[in-house]
Amino acid sequence: MERSLAILLATVSACAGVDDDARRAPAGGEADLPLGDVDDSTAFALSSASSWGSALTCKTIPDLPALPSPQITISLQGLTLHLVDTTVGYDKVFPIGPGKIDTDTTSTTLGESLSYWPVKAYKTQSFSIKPSTSTACKFWWTDPETGQTSPVFAGLPFMSWSGSYAIHGPIDNFTAPNGGNLRRGFVSHGCVRLEAADILEVYARVHSAASVPVHVQREPERRADGTRVDVTPAWIGAECATDADCAFANGFCHANPYSERGFCSARCTQYCSDRAPNPTTFCVTDPDDATKGMCVTQVVAQNSDCRTFDHFEPIRMARFRQPSASANVCMPGSNGAIGDHCFLDTDCDAGNRCAGAAGGEPGLCTQACTKYCPDPAGVAATLCVNEAALGGAVCMRTCTPASNASECPGGTQCVLRSRNGDAATSKYVCEPAAD
């Protein structure tokens, strides 16, 4: 009882505060962050202290072997936290709920997950977790508007990787005995949410390390062979190479002509199964075979623009064999930014054109340039390169070899190139792979 009371008194803030960039990182450290989206059960519990249930109980840290040299990669658009320790062969991927996509046109994180703010602010992707910035049991959050405190962190671990930007529990249904339920998607105001059981495991594995390197990236993480790092077992929308990769009822690997990578779906006649913590699904007509239905992910608040999937876009579609019912869903398509795959100019954003598409193979969205290129919000920076295969001096997407070129679409390679008209400036870019 004394230990619980001491922890309760010591953990009365975090992930709560003001919104604007100017005040997010005041002198002396970052301000606390607001919660972000919450589900209905959380909203109800926040309104009444009598509804706090098990939220004031410290959850038991599992007895698991500590990792001697743990490292963490957080992929915001991949919705993953990847914990590895090469010295002992540990490698595990956890689903996450990072910050919402910023739509404020005056913000430095416009078009990005709000969790990307430290990367933009400090111009680094390298952060760390230390014992001094972690706690095994945290409860309290303070509403920045009302000053009211609520135990939304539910007695679960809280691990800061950059000031008040932290890894913590799921928030939703925080009064439950297990600490709540994750919605995998863009839901928070900057913190990275994990399933309750997952935050307990991660804390148990890393809390004794003097410093845990944390790499934060926008794009889905990729291995050296180009495969995407993701949770297992796979679910609807996950990247795949064969039907065997989609090991669930009626699962199969569907081709995506835009990404040149497959995605998991399932055969359906009218309805599809759902699997928490993923977004809901919907049965639509297979564009490759109008006699068959296939399951795809619905567009919902946690997945509003389909960006977690490789070359998908939101579209309104009727339910298979029930045209009176329809939903916004994620279907293969081009995102339209510089460096995205395309087949037609209309696949690309305004000001861009589609270059290099031929013989059923996609090209790349680009635009002519002389020396400099625009950097669209929410995607990798660009470089003006003289690329004969795409028609001369054009804008191309930059990439990072150290991150296995996770910025590059399928069928391209990460190559060092000089800026057009400025041979002294070179960067790696995603260019079409040689046949």
Protein backbone atom coordinates (compact mmCIF):
# COMPACT_ATOMS: atom_id res chain seq x y z
CA MET A 1 0.00 0.00 0.00
CA GLU A 2 2.80 2.43 0.85
CA ARG A 3 4.52 1.68 -2.48
CA SER A 4 1.31 2.28 -4.46
CA LEU A 5 0.65 5.54 -2.63
CA ALA A 6 4.19 6.77 -3.28
CA ILE A 7 3.91 5.98 -6.98
CA LEU A 8 0.46 7.57 -7.15
CA LEU A 9 1.77 10.82 -5.67
CA ALA A 10 4.83 10.84 -7.91
CA THR A 11 3.07 10.35 -11.25
CA VAL A 12 0.68 13.23 -11.74
CA SER A 13 1.51 14.46 -15.25
CA ALA A 14 2.56 13.63 -18.82
CA CYS A 15 1.06 13.63 -22.28
CA ALA A 16 -1.09 16.59 -21.26
CA GLY A 17 -0.69 20.20 -22.19
CA VAL A 18 -0.93 22.77 -24.94
CA ASP A 19 -1.09 22.18 -28.68
CA ASP A 20 0.90 24.84 -30.50
CA ASP A 21 4.47 24.19 -31.61
CA ALA A 22 5.84 27.33 -30.00
CA ARG A 23 4.83 26.08 -26.56
CA ARG A 24 5.43 22.38 -27.08
CA ALA A 25 9.12 22.73 -26.29
CA PRO A 26 9.63 25.69 -23.93
CA ALA A 27 12.94 26.49 -22.28
CA GLY A 28 13.80 23.76 -19.81
CA GLY A 29 12.04 20.96 -21.66
CA GLU A 30 8.93 19.97 -23.59
CA ALA A 31 5.47 20.72 -22.33
CA ASP A 32 3.16 17.84 -21.52
CA LEU A 33 1.03 16.58 -24.39
CA PRO A 34 -2.74 16.22 -24.65
CA LEU A 35 -4.18 12.70 -24.90
CA GLY A 36 -5.34 12.64 -28.50
CA ASP A 37 -8.35 10.55 -29.52
CA VAL A 38 -10.09 8.40 -26.91
CA ASP A 39 -12.84 5.84 -27.32
CA ASP A 40 -16.33 6.11 -25.83
CA SER A 41 -15.51 4.01 -22.77
CA THR A 42 -12.57 6.27 -21.97
CA ALA A 43 -14.64 9.42 -22.44
CA PHE A 44 -17.23 8.08 -20.01
CA ALA A 45 -14.63 7.10 -17.43
CA LEU A 46 -13.01 10.53 -17.64
CA SER A 47 -16.29 12.11 -16.57
CA SER A 48 -16.63 10.23 -13.30
CA ALA A 49 -14.16 9.18 -10.62
CA SER A 50 -16.57 6.39 -9.66
CA SER A 51 -15.79 4.75 -13.01
CA TRP A 52 -12.06 4.35 -12.44
CA GLY A 53 -12.29 0.62 -11.74
CA SER A 54 -8.84 -0.99 -11.87
CA ALA A 55 -7.10 2.14 -13.15
CA LEU A 56 -5.46 2.78 -9.76
CA THR A 57 -3.85 -0.66 -9.56
CA CYS A 58 -0.20 -1.05 -10.52
CA LYS A 59 0.01 -3.81 -13.11
CA THR A 60 2.46 -6.64 -12.45
CA ILE A 61 5.71 -6.49 -14.41
CA PRO A 62 6.28 -9.95 -15.94
CA ASP A 63 9.35 -11.92 -14.91
CA LEU A 64 11.20 -11.97 -18.24
CA PRO A 65 14.94 -12.03 -19.01
CA ALA A 66 16.30 -8.50 -19.35
CA LEU A 67 17.99 -7.72 -22.67
CA PRO A 68 21.67 -6.74 -22.28
CA SER A 69 21.79 -4.49 -25.39
CA PRO A 70 18.23 -3.63 -26.47
CA GLN A 71 17.45 -1.32 -29.39
CA ILE A 72 14.08 0.04 -30.47
CA THR A 73 12.85 1.22 -33.88
CA ILE A 74 9.52 3.05 -34.00
CA SER A 75 7.92 3.20 -37.43
CA LEU A 76 5.07 5.71 -37.38
CA GLN A 77 3.45 4.88 -40.72
CA GLY A 78 4.26 1.20 -40.23
CA LEU A 79 2.49 1.32 -36.85
CA THR A 80 5.22 -0.81 -35.27
CA LEU A 81 7.65 -0.81 -32.38
CA HIS A 82 10.51 -3.20 -33.18
CA LEU A 83 12.56 -4.37 -30.19
CA VAL A 84 15.78 -6.25 -30.95
CA ASP A 85 18.94 -7.38 -29.22
CA THR A 86 21.38 -8.93 -31.65
CA THR A 87 23.64 -10.15 -28.83
CA VAL A 88 21.03 -12.68 -27.68
CA GLY A 89 18.93 -13.08 -30.84
CA TYR A 90 15.83 -11.36 -29.50
CA ASP A 91 13.58 -9.85 -32.22
CA LYS A 92 9.93 -8.94 -31.69
CA VAL A 93 7.49 -6.50 -33.31
CA PHE A 94 4.63 -4.83 -31.43
CA PRO A 95 1.62 -2.89 -32.84
CA ILE A 96 1.36 0.79 -31.86
CA GLY A 97 -0.98 3.75 -31.80
CA PRO A 98 1.15 6.85 -32.54
CA GLY A 99 0.15 10.50 -32.92
CA LYS A 100 -2.67 11.65 -35.17
CA ILE A 101 -1.86 13.12 -38.59
CA ASP A 102 -1.36 16.87 -38.20
CA THR A 103 -3.67 18.92 -40.45
CA ASP A 104 -2.70 22.33 -39.07
CA THR A 105 -1.30 24.28 -42.04
CA THR A 106 0.79 26.46 -39.70
CA SER A 107 2.42 23.52 -37.90
CA THR A 108 5.94 22.19 -38.40
CA THR A 109 4.47 18.68 -38.47
CA LEU A 110 1.84 19.34 -41.16
CA GLY A 111 1.11 16.05 -42.90
CA GLU A 112 3.06 14.05 -40.33
CA SER A 113 2.09 12.00 -37.30
CA LEU A 114 2.26 14.23 -34.23
CA SER A 115 4.82 11.75 -32.87
CA TYR A 116 7.24 13.01 -35.54
CA TRP A 117 7.57 16.39 -33.80
CA PRO A 118 10.85 15.61 -31.96
CA VAL A 119 12.40 14.43 -35.24
CA LYS A 120 11.50 17.72 -36.92
CA ALA A 121 12.34 19.88 -33.92
CA TYR A 122 15.73 18.39 -33.10
CA LYS A 123 16.68 17.28 -36.63
CA THR A 124 17.53 13.77 -35.52
CA GLN A 125 15.91 10.34 -35.58
CA SER A 126 18.01 9.09 -32.67
CA PHE A 127 16.62 9.22 -29.12
CA SER A 128 16.95 7.08 -26.01
CA ILE A 129 15.14 5.62 -23.02
CA LYS A 130 16.90 5.69 -19.66
CA PRO A 131 15.95 4.49 -16.17
CA SER A 132 15.62 8.11 -15.07
CA THR A 133 12.96 8.74 -17.75
CA SER A 134 10.94 5.60 -17.06
CA THR A 135 8.55 4.38 -14.40
CA ALA A 136 7.03 0.95 -13.86
CA CYS A 137 3.65 2.30 -12.77
CA LYS A 138 2.01 5.54 -13.87
CA PHE A 139 -1.55 6.71 -13.32
CA TRP A 140 -2.34 10.37 -13.68
CA TRP A 141 -3.02 12.68 -16.60
CA THR A 142 -4.08 16.30 -16.22
CA ASP A 143 -6.59 17.76 -18.67
CA PRO A 144 -4.94 20.95 -20.02
CA GLU A 145 -8.33 22.64 -20.46
CA THR A 146 -9.93 21.91 -17.09
CA GLY A 147 -7.01 20.95 -14.84
CA GLN A 148 -8.89 17.77 -13.89
CA THR A 149 -6.73 14.71 -13.27
CA SER A 150 -7.61 11.17 -14.37
CA PRO A 151 -5.69 7.87 -14.09
CA VAL A 152 -5.63 7.14 -17.84
CA PHE A 153 -2.17 5.54 -17.70
CA ALA A 154 -3.77 2.76 -15.65
CA GLY A 155 -0.80 1.70 -13.51
CA LEU A 156 1.22 0.62 -16.54
CA PRO A 157 4.84 1.54 -17.39
CA PHE A 158 5.64 4.92 -18.94
CA MET A 159 8.93 5.32 -20.84
CA SER A 160 9.97 8.70 -22.21
CA TRP A 161 12.10 8.75 -25.38
CA SER A 162 12.07 12.56 -25.83
CA GLY A 163 10.77 14.70 -22.99
CA SER A 164 7.03 14.10 -22.68
CA TYR A 165 6.99 12.04 -25.87
CA ALA A 166 6.77 8.57 -24.42
CA ILE A 167 5.81 4.94 -24.90
CA HIS A 168 2.91 3.94 -22.65
CA GLY A 169 -0.28 1.90 -22.42
CA PRO A 170 -3.38 2.00 -24.64
CA ILE A 171 -5.50 4.68 -22.81
CA ASP A 172 -8.76 3.31 -24.28
CA ASN A 173 -10.82 1.39 -21.68
CA PHE A 174 -8.17 2.25 -19.07
CA THR A 175 -10.41 1.13 -16.19
CA ALA A 176 -10.23 -2.52 -17.30
CA PRO A 177 -8.28 -4.97 -15.11
CA ASN A 178 -5.67 -5.48 -17.85
CA GLY A 179 -5.13 -1.72 -18.39
CA GLY A 180 -7.11 -1.19 -21.58
CA ASN A 181 -7.23 -1.94 -25.30
CA LEU A 182 -5.15 -0.56 -28.15
CA ARG A 183 -6.50 0.92 -31.38
CA ARG A 184 -3.75 0.40 -33.94
CA GLY A 185 -3.63 3.62 -35.89
CA PHE A 186 -2.99 7.36 -35.62
CA VAL A 187 -4.75 8.19 -32.36
CA SER A 188 -2.59 10.05 -29.83
CA HIS A 189 -1.24 13.58 -29.55
CA GLY A 190 2.37 12.50 -29.76
CA CYS A 191 2.97 9.58 -27.41
CA VAL A 192 3.25 6.03 -28.72
CA ARG A 193 0.60 3.69 -27.33
CA LEU A 194 1.08 -0.07 -26.89
CA GLU A 195 -1.17 -2.91 -25.87
CA ALA A 196 -1.17 -3.26 -22.07
CA ALA A 197 0.57 -6.65 -22.19
CA ASP A 198 3.10 -5.31 -24.69
CA ILE A 199 4.16 -2.25 -22.67
CA LEU A 200 4.66 -4.57 -19.69
CA GLU A 201 6.87 -6.88 -21.76
CA VAL A 202 8.90 -4.06 -23.31
CA TYR A 203 9.48 -2.48 -19.89
CA ALA A 204 10.51 -5.83 -18.40
CA ARG A 205 12.99 -6.39 -21.21
CA VAL A 206 14.65 -2.95 -21.24
CA HIS A 207 14.23 -1.15 -17.91
CA SER A 208 17.56 -2.29 -16.48
CA ALA A 209 19.58 -1.04 -19.47
CA ALA A 210 21.57 2.14 -18.86
CA SER A 211 20.38 3.57 -22.17
CA VAL A 212 18.15 2.11 -24.88
CA PRO A 213 18.66 3.61 -28.36
CA VAL A 214 15.36 4.57 -30.00
CA HIS A 215 15.26 5.24 -33.75
CA VAL A 216 12.09 7.00 -34.94
CA GLN A 217 11.19 6.98 -38.63
CA ARG A 218 8.24 8.00 -40.73
CA GLU A 219 8.12 5.13 -43.21
CA PRO A 220 7.43 1.44 -42.51
CA GLU A 221 10.62 -0.29 -41.43
CA ARG A 222 12.22 -2.68 -43.92
CA ARG A 223 14.79 -5.43 -43.60
CA ALA A 224 17.88 -5.72 -45.77
CA ASP A 225 16.00 -7.97 -48.22
CA GLY A 226 13.29 -5.32 -48.65
CA THR A 227 10.55 -7.12 -46.73
CA ARG A 228 8.46 -5.02 -44.40
CA VAL A 229 8.82 -5.34 -40.63
CA ASP A 230 5.34 -6.01 -39.24
CA VAL A 231 3.49 -7.87 -36.52
CA THR A 232 2.65 -11.55 -36.88
CA PRO A 233 0.36 -13.18 -37.67
CA ALA A 234 -0.48 -10.98 -40.67
CA TRP A 235 -3.93 -9.47 -41.15
CA ILE A 236 -5.96 -7.70 -43.85
CA GLY A 237 -3.75 -5.15 -45.63
CA ALA A 238 -0.43 -6.59 -44.48
CA GLU A 239 2.31 -6.93 -47.08
CA CYS A 240 2.78 -10.43 -48.50
CA ALA A 241 4.58 -12.40 -51.18
CA THR A 242 2.51 -15.62 -51.24
CA ASP A 243 -0.88 -16.82 -50.00
CA ALA A 244 0.91 -18.63 -47.17
CA ASP A 245 1.83 -15.23 -45.72
CA CYS A 246 -1.89 -14.57 -45.08
CA ALA A 247 -2.54 -17.44 -42.68
CA PHE A 248 -6.13 -16.72 -41.65
CA ALA A 249 -9.52 -17.99 -42.80
CA ASN A 250 -9.95 -17.53 -46.57
CA GLY A 251 -6.77 -15.45 -46.65
CA PHE A 252 -4.81 -14.89 -49.84
CA CYS A 253 -2.14 -12.55 -51.22
CA HIS A 254 -3.57 -10.04 -53.71
CA ALA A 255 -1.38 -8.22 -56.23
CA ASN A 256 -1.12 -4.43 -56.07
CA PRO A 257 -0.01 -3.04 -59.47
CA TYR A 258 0.90 0.31 -57.91
CA SER A 259 3.16 -0.94 -55.12
CA GLU A 260 4.52 -3.98 -56.99
CA ARG A 261 4.11 -5.72 -53.64
CA GLY A 262 1.27 -8.00 -52.56
CA PHE A 263 -1.22 -7.37 -49.74
CA CYS A 264 -3.26 -9.75 -47.62
CA SER A 265 -6.99 -10.04 -48.21
CA ALA A 266 -9.67 -12.69 -47.66
CA ARG A 267 -12.42 -14.06 -49.84
CA CYS A 268 -15.91 -12.97 -48.80
CA THR A 269 -19.48 -13.14 -50.03
CA GLN A 270 -20.85 -10.12 -48.16
CA TYR A 271 -19.18 -9.67 -44.80
CA CYS A 272 -15.69 -9.82 -43.33
CA SER A 273 -14.21 -10.65 -39.95
CA ASP A 274 -12.51 -7.99 -37.83
CA ARG A 275 -9.48 -8.37 -35.60
CA ALA A 276 -8.52 -5.98 -32.81
CA PRO A 277 -6.54 -3.76 -32.58
CA ASN A 278 -6.82 -3.20 -36.34
CA PRO A 279 -9.41 -1.04 -38.14
CA THR A 280 -12.65 -2.66 -39.25
CA THR A 281 -12.92 -4.37 -42.66
CA PHE A 282 -15.41 -4.42 -45.55
CA CYS A 283 -16.25 -6.83 -48.37
CA VAL A 284 -15.88 -5.31 -51.87
CA THR A 285 -15.72 -6.59 -55.44
CA ASP A 286 -12.26 -7.83 -56.39
CA PRO A 287 -11.03 -5.45 -59.14
CA ASP A 288 -9.23 -8.41 -60.76
CA ASP A 289 -12.30 -10.68 -60.79
CA ALA A 290 -15.80 -9.17 -60.56
CA THR A 291 -17.27 -12.58 -59.64
CA LYS A 292 -15.42 -12.61 -56.31
CA GLY A 293 -15.45 -10.55 -53.15
CA MET A 294 -12.42 -9.54 -51.12
CA CYS A 295 -11.91 -7.99 -47.70
CA VAL A 296 -10.20 -4.61 -47.38
CA THR A 297 -9.64 -2.16 -44.54
CA GLN A 298 -12.23 0.53 -43.89
CA VAL A 299 -11.33 4.20 -43.67
CA VAL A 300 -11.93 5.14 -40.03
CA ALA A 301 -10.60 7.84 -37.73
CA GLN A 302 -7.48 5.87 -36.82
CA ASN A 303 -6.81 5.15 -40.52
CA SER A 304 -8.23 8.18 -42.32
CA ASP A 305 -5.98 8.28 -45.40
CA CYS A 306 -4.70 4.69 -45.75
CA ARG A 307 -1.08 5.81 -45.39
CA THR A 308 -0.05 2.81 -43.31
CA PHE A 309 -0.54 0.63 -46.41
CA ASP A 310 1.84 0.69 -49.39
CA HIS A 311 0.23 2.51 -52.34
CA PHE A 312 -3.38 2.54 -51.21
CA GLU A 313 -5.88 5.38 -51.32
CA PRO A 314 -9.34 6.01 -49.82
CA ILE A 315 -12.25 5.29 -52.16
CA ARG A 316 -16.01 4.79 -51.77
CA MET A 317 -17.06 1.27 -52.76
CA ALA A 318 -20.24 -0.78 -52.61
CA ARG A 319 -20.42 -3.99 -50.63
CA PHE A 320 -19.98 -7.12 -52.75
CA ARG A 321 -23.42 -8.36 -53.90
CA GLN A 322 -25.13 -5.58 -51.93
CA PRO A 323 -24.84 -2.32 -53.91
CA SER A 324 -27.19 -0.51 -51.52
CA ALA A 325 -24.47 -0.59 -48.84
CA SER A 326 -21.16 1.19 -49.25
CA ALA A 327 -18.17 2.36 -47.25
CA ASN A 328 -14.94 4.32 -47.61
CA VAL A 329 -12.18 1.74 -47.91
CA CYS A 330 -8.46 1.47 -48.69
CA MET A 331 -7.83 0.25 -52.25
CA PRO A 332 -4.68 0.04 -54.40
CA GLY A 333 -3.77 3.42 -55.86
CA SER A 334 -1.16 6.15 -55.96
CA ASN A 335 -0.59 8.68 -53.21
CA GLY A 336 0.56 11.08 -55.91
CA ALA A 337 3.60 12.64 -54.22
CA ILE A 338 7.04 12.88 -55.82
CA GLY A 339 8.50 9.36 -55.84
CA ASP A 340 5.18 7.51 -55.65
CA HIS A 341 4.30 4.96 -58.32
CA CYS A 342 1.81 5.90 -61.01
CA PHE A 343 0.41 4.84 -64.38
CA LEU A 344 -1.17 8.13 -65.50
CA ASP A 345 -0.57 11.82 -64.88
CA THR A 346 -3.91 11.89 -63.07
CA ASP A 347 -2.48 9.49 -60.47
CA CYS A 348 -0.12 12.26 -59.36
CA ASP A 349 -0.72 15.36 -57.27
CA ALA A 350 -1.31 18.70 -58.97
CA GLY A 351 1.95 19.96 -60.47
CA ASN A 352 3.37 16.46 -60.85
CA ARG A 353 3.34 14.15 -63.86
CA CYS A 354 3.82 10.42 -64.29
CA ALA A 355 7.16 9.53 -65.90
CA GLY A 356 8.49 6.14 -66.97
CA ALA A 357 5.28 4.06 -66.96
CA ALA A 358 5.36 1.51 -69.79
CA GLY A 359 4.42 -2.07 -70.62
CA GLY A 360 2.14 -2.42 -67.62
CA GLU A 361 4.90 -1.33 -65.22
CA PRO A 362 4.35 1.79 -63.11
CA GLY A 363 6.39 4.96 -63.41
CA LEU A 364 7.14 7.60 -60.79
CA CYS A 365 5.35 10.83 -59.98
CA THR A 366 7.74 13.71 -60.59
CA GLN A 367 8.05 17.20 -62.04
CA ALA A 368 10.61 19.07 -64.12
CA CYS A 369 13.25 21.06 -62.26
CA THR A 370 16.43 23.04 -62.88
CA LYS A 371 18.14 22.79 -59.49
CA TYR A 372 15.65 22.61 -56.62
CA CYS A 373 12.43 20.73 -55.87
CA PRO A 374 9.49 21.16 -53.49
CA ASP A 375 9.36 18.95 -50.40
CA PRO A 376 5.76 17.81 -49.88
CA ALA A 377 4.43 17.49 -46.33
CA GLY A 378 4.47 14.04 -44.80
CA VAL A 379 6.88 12.32 -47.21
CA ALA A 380 10.64 12.15 -47.72
CA ALA A 381 12.55 15.16 -49.05
CA THR A 382 13.38 15.43 -52.76
CA LEU A 383 16.34 16.22 -55.01
CA CYS A 384 16.58 17.57 -58.57
CA VAL A 385 18.42 14.92 -60.60
CA ASN A 386 19.22 14.55 -64.29
CA GLU A 387 17.53 11.20 -64.97
CA ALA A 388 17.39 10.33 -68.66
CA ALA A 389 14.95 7.45 -68.07
CA LEU A 390 12.41 9.92 -66.69
CA GLY A 391 12.92 12.66 -69.25
CA GLY A 392 15.85 14.76 -68.04
CA ALA A 393 16.12 16.98 -64.97
CA VAL A 394 13.33 15.82 -62.64
CA CYS A 395 12.53 15.71 -58.93
CA MET A 396 13.16 12.41 -57.17
CA ARG A 397 12.56 11.16 -53.65
CA THR A 398 15.55 10.87 -51.33
CA CYS A 399 16.26 7.70 -49.35
CA THR A 400 18.38 6.39 -46.48
CA PRO A 401 20.57 3.32 -47.09
CA ALA A 402 21.10 2.88 -43.33
CA SER A 403 17.33 2.31 -42.99
CA ASN A 404 17.29 -0.14 -45.93
CA ALA A 405 15.80 2.54 -48.20
CA SER A 406 12.41 2.31 -46.51
CA GLU A 407 11.36 5.48 -48.37
CA CYS A 408 11.60 3.75 -51.77
CA PRO A 409 8.70 1.98 -53.51
CA GLY A 410 9.10 -1.50 -54.92
CA GLY A 411 11.04 -1.79 -58.16
CA THR A 412 13.35 1.11 -57.30
CA GLN A 413 16.85 1.29 -55.85
CA CYS A 414 18.54 3.75 -53.49
CA VAL A 415 21.42 5.30 -55.43
CA LEU A 416 23.78 8.21 -54.73
CA ARG A 417 23.20 11.01 -57.26
CA SER A 418 24.35 14.60 -57.72
CA ARG A 419 21.98 17.56 -57.80
CA ASN A 420 21.33 18.85 -61.30
CA GLY A 421 23.50 21.92 -61.83
CA ASP A 422 25.34 21.39 -58.54
CA ALA A 423 27.74 18.45 -58.75
CA ALA A 424 29.10 19.19 -55.27
CA THR A 425 25.78 18.26 -53.65
CA SER A 426 24.90 14.57 -53.61
CA LYS A 427 22.15 12.58 -51.93
CA TYR A 428 20.68 9.11 -52.22
CA VAL A 429 17.49 8.95 -54.28
CA CYS A 430 14.96 6.27 -55.27
CA GLU A 431 15.49 5.63 -58.97
CA PRO A 432 14.03 2.94 -61.23
CA ALA A 433 15.93 -0.33 -60.83
CA ALA A 434 17.88 -1.57 -63.81
CA ASP A 435 16.21 -4.42 -65.69
